[in-house]
Amino acid sequence: MVIQCVVFKCSNRQGSKTKEKGVSFFRFPKDRKKRAAWIRAINRDNWSPNEYSRVCSEHFVESWHSDDPADENYRLTLFKYKIKPKSKSETARNARHSKRILLQA
């Protein structure tokens, strides 16, 4: 059975390429509260994880999950499909801001 991340638009599969990148795969937690937090974060309609469902480390800030509910790594937080590309105007604004900061120094 091929181990693959269940997060939408994540193409990580267990193998040599992901091992080189340092990607790990995690089973869904048995703790009901933590498991529910992971399922809510994945946000897929009419879906529930089974014994083979895995999430890769790229969806956690420190590439590892935490058991502390106050920690940001308690649930998945990083999703590539949610990252909005910067617009040309935003990029230009950031460049002007950086230039202004350099001139003030």
C-alpha atoms as a PDB file:
ATOM      1  CA  MET A   1       0.000   0.000   0.000  1.00  0.00           C
ATOM      2  CA  VAL A   2       1.337   3.417  -0.973  1.00  0.00           C
ATOM      3  CA  ILE A   3       1.405   5.962   1.853  1.00  0.00           C
ATOM      4  CA  GLN A   4       0.186   9.330   0.614  1.00  0.00           C
ATOM      5  CA  CYS A   5      -0.820  12.544   2.365  1.00  0.00           C
ATOM      6  CA  VAL A   6      -4.613  13.002   2.495  1.00  0.00           C
ATOM      7  CA  VAL A   7      -4.540  16.821   2.403  1.00  0.00           C
ATOM      8  CA  PHE A   8      -6.147  18.392  -0.688  1.00  0.00           C
ATOM      9  CA  LYS A   9      -3.598  19.145  -3.460  1.00  0.00           C
ATOM     10  CA  CYS A  10      -0.701  17.595  -1.522  1.00  0.00           C
ATOM     11  CA  SER A  11       1.192  15.148  -3.700  1.00  0.00           C
ATOM     12  CA  ASN A  12       3.634  13.800  -1.108  1.00  0.00           C
ATOM     13  CA  ARG A  13       4.034  10.048  -1.180  1.00  0.00           C
ATOM     14  CA  GLN A  14       6.351   7.955   0.874  1.00  0.00           C
ATOM     15  CA  GLY A  15       9.502   7.233  -1.098  1.00  0.00           C
ATOM     16  CA  SER A  16      13.054   8.350  -1.776  1.00  0.00           C
ATOM     17  CA  LYS A  17      12.157  11.890  -2.922  1.00  0.00           C
ATOM     18  CA  THR A  18      10.210  12.708   0.228  1.00  0.00           C
ATOM     19  CA  LYS A  19      12.860  11.060   2.391  1.00  0.00           C
ATOM     20  CA  GLU A  20      15.507  13.327   0.813  1.00  0.00           C
ATOM     21  CA  LYS A  21      13.316  16.362   1.600  1.00  0.00           C
ATOM     22  CA  GLY A  22      12.928  15.152   5.195  1.00  0.00           C
ATOM     23  CA  VAL A  23       9.173  14.633   4.966  1.00  0.00           C
ATOM     24  CA  SER A  24       7.565  12.382   7.588  1.00  0.00           C
ATOM     25  CA  PHE A  25       4.083  10.873   7.600  1.00  0.00           C
ATOM     26  CA  PHE A  26       1.821  10.785  10.654  1.00  0.00           C
ATOM     27  CA  ARG A  27      -1.173   8.627  11.483  1.00  0.00           C
ATOM     28  CA  PHE A  28      -4.296  10.323  12.744  1.00  0.00           C
ATOM     29  CA  PRO A  29      -4.244  10.626  16.522  1.00  0.00           C
ATOM     30  CA  LYS A  30      -6.371   8.331  18.661  1.00  0.00           C
ATOM     31  CA  ASP A  31      -7.236  11.181  21.050  1.00  0.00           C
ATOM     32  CA  ARG A  32     -10.762  12.241  20.020  1.00  0.00           C
ATOM     33  CA  LYS A  33     -10.220  15.966  20.546  1.00  0.00           C
ATOM     34  CA  LYS A  34      -6.958  16.102  18.585  1.00  0.00           C
ATOM     35  CA  ARG A  35      -8.340  13.832  15.853  1.00  0.00           C
ATOM     36  CA  ALA A  36     -11.358  16.130  15.440  1.00  0.00           C
ATOM     37  CA  ALA A  37      -9.046  19.158  15.188  1.00  0.00           C
ATOM     38  CA  TRP A  38      -7.075  17.469  12.391  1.00  0.00           C
ATOM     39  CA  ILE A  39     -10.244  16.510  10.497  1.00  0.00           C
ATOM     40  CA  ARG A  40     -11.609  20.085  10.786  1.00  0.00           C
ATOM     41  CA  ALA A  41      -8.286  21.476   9.518  1.00  0.00           C
ATOM     42  CA  ILE A  42      -8.328  19.148   6.491  1.00  0.00           C
ATOM     43  CA  ASN A  43     -11.872  20.335   5.716  1.00  0.00           C
ATOM     44  CA  ARG A  44     -13.040  17.707   3.230  1.00  0.00           C
ATOM     45  CA  ASP A  45     -16.752  17.075   2.704  1.00  0.00           C
ATOM     46  CA  ASN A  46     -18.140  13.706   3.807  1.00  0.00           C
ATOM     47  CA  TRP A  47     -14.710  12.332   4.634  1.00  0.00           C
ATOM     48  CA  SER A  48     -13.319  10.598   7.660  1.00  0.00           C
ATOM     49  CA  PRO A  49      -9.861   9.060   8.063  1.00  0.00           C
ATOM     50  CA  ASN A  50      -9.319   5.325   8.083  1.00  0.00           C
ATOM     51  CA  GLU A  51      -6.428   3.263   9.440  1.00  0.00           C
ATOM     52  CA  TYR A  52      -4.326   4.025   6.341  1.00  0.00           C
ATOM     53  CA  SER A  53      -4.876   7.814   6.270  1.00  0.00           C
ATOM     54  CA  ARG A  54      -1.710   9.855   6.786  1.00  0.00           C
ATOM     55  CA  VAL A  55      -0.731  13.535   6.946  1.00  0.00           C
ATOM     56  CA  CYS A  56       2.752  14.657   5.952  1.00  0.00           C
ATOM     57  CA  SER A  57       5.027  16.888   8.020  1.00  0.00           C
ATOM     58  CA  GLU A  58       4.813  19.748   5.505  1.00  0.00           C
ATOM     59  CA  HIS A  59       1.475  20.776   7.034  1.00  0.00           C
ATOM     60  CA  PHE A  60       2.956  21.534  10.462  1.00  0.00           C
ATOM     61  CA  VAL A  61       4.990  24.654  11.251  1.00  0.00           C
ATOM     62  CA  GLU A  62       7.858  22.751  12.872  1.00  0.00           C
ATOM     63  CA  SER A  63       7.338  19.572  10.787  1.00  0.00           C
ATOM     64  CA  TRP A  64       6.039  17.778  13.861  1.00  0.00           C
ATOM     65  CA  HIS A  65       2.762  17.687  15.742  1.00  0.00           C
ATOM     66  CA  SER A  66       2.342  18.607  19.396  1.00  0.00           C
ATOM     67  CA  ASP A  67       0.095  17.238  22.130  1.00  0.00           C
ATOM     68  CA  ASP A  68      -0.385  20.686  23.670  1.00  0.00           C
ATOM     69  CA  PRO A  69      -3.682  22.269  22.485  1.00  0.00           C
ATOM     70  CA  ALA A  70      -2.175  25.749  22.942  1.00  0.00           C
ATOM     71  CA  ASP A  71       0.682  24.965  20.533  1.00  0.00           C
ATOM     72  CA  GLU A  72       0.321  25.917  16.851  1.00  0.00           C
ATOM     73  CA  ASN A  73       1.484  22.413  15.903  1.00  0.00           C
ATOM     74  CA  TYR A  74      -1.479  20.772  17.654  1.00  0.00           C
ATOM     75  CA  ARG A  75      -3.358  20.799  14.352  1.00  0.00           C
ATOM     76  CA  LEU A  76      -2.407  21.192  10.697  1.00  0.00           C
ATOM     77  CA  THR A  77      -1.869  24.818   9.715  1.00  0.00           C
ATOM     78  CA  LEU A  78       0.097  24.906   6.460  1.00  0.00           C
ATOM     79  CA  PHE A  79      -1.760  24.338   3.198  1.00  0.00           C
ATOM     80  CA  LYS A  80      -0.170  25.191  -0.173  1.00  0.00           C
ATOM     81  CA  TYR A  81      -3.509  25.661  -1.921  1.00  0.00           C
ATOM     82  CA  LYS A  82      -4.424  28.432   0.547  1.00  0.00           C
ATOM     83  CA  ILE A  83      -1.303  30.494  -0.120  1.00  0.00           C
ATOM     84  CA  LYS A  84      -2.288  33.491  -2.201  1.00  0.00           C
ATOM     85  CA  PRO A  85       0.316  34.636  -4.727  1.00  0.00           C
ATOM     86  CA  LYS A  86       1.377  38.252  -4.294  1.00  0.00           C
ATOM     87  CA  SER A  87      -0.019  40.684  -6.815  1.00  0.00           C
ATOM     88  CA  LYS A  88       2.225  43.002  -8.843  1.00  0.00           C
ATOM     89  CA  SER A  89       1.059  46.010  -6.831  1.00  0.00           C
ATOM     90  CA  GLU A  90       1.802  44.267  -3.536  1.00  0.00           C
ATOM     91  CA  THR A  91       5.273  43.266  -4.744  1.00  0.00           C
ATOM     92  CA  ALA A  92       5.969  46.844  -5.887  1.00  0.00           C
ATOM     93  CA  ARG A  93       4.706  48.225  -2.573  1.00  0.00           C
ATOM     94  CA  ASN A  94       7.006  45.867  -0.636  1.00  0.00           C
ATOM     95  CA  ALA A  95       9.961  46.929  -2.804  1.00  0.00           C
ATOM     96  CA  ARG A  96       9.225  50.630  -2.181  1.00  0.00           C
ATOM     97  CA  HIS A  97       8.916  49.990   1.540  1.00  0.00           C
ATOM     98  CA  SER A  98      12.245  48.123   1.656  1.00  0.00           C
ATOM     99  CA  LYS A  99      13.943  50.903  -0.315  1.00  0.00           C
ATOM    100  CA  ARG A 100      12.540  53.531   2.077  1.00  0.00           C
ATOM    101  CA  ILE A 101      13.857  51.607   5.088  1.00  0.00           C
ATOM    102  CA  LEU A 102      17.333  51.355   3.507  1.00  0.00           C
ATOM    103  CA  LEU A 103      17.390  55.121   2.801  1.00  0.00           C
ATOM    104  CA  GLN A 104      16.461  55.919   6.398  1.00  0.00           C
ATOM    105  CA  ALA A 105      19.307  53.846   7.839  1.00  0.00           C
END
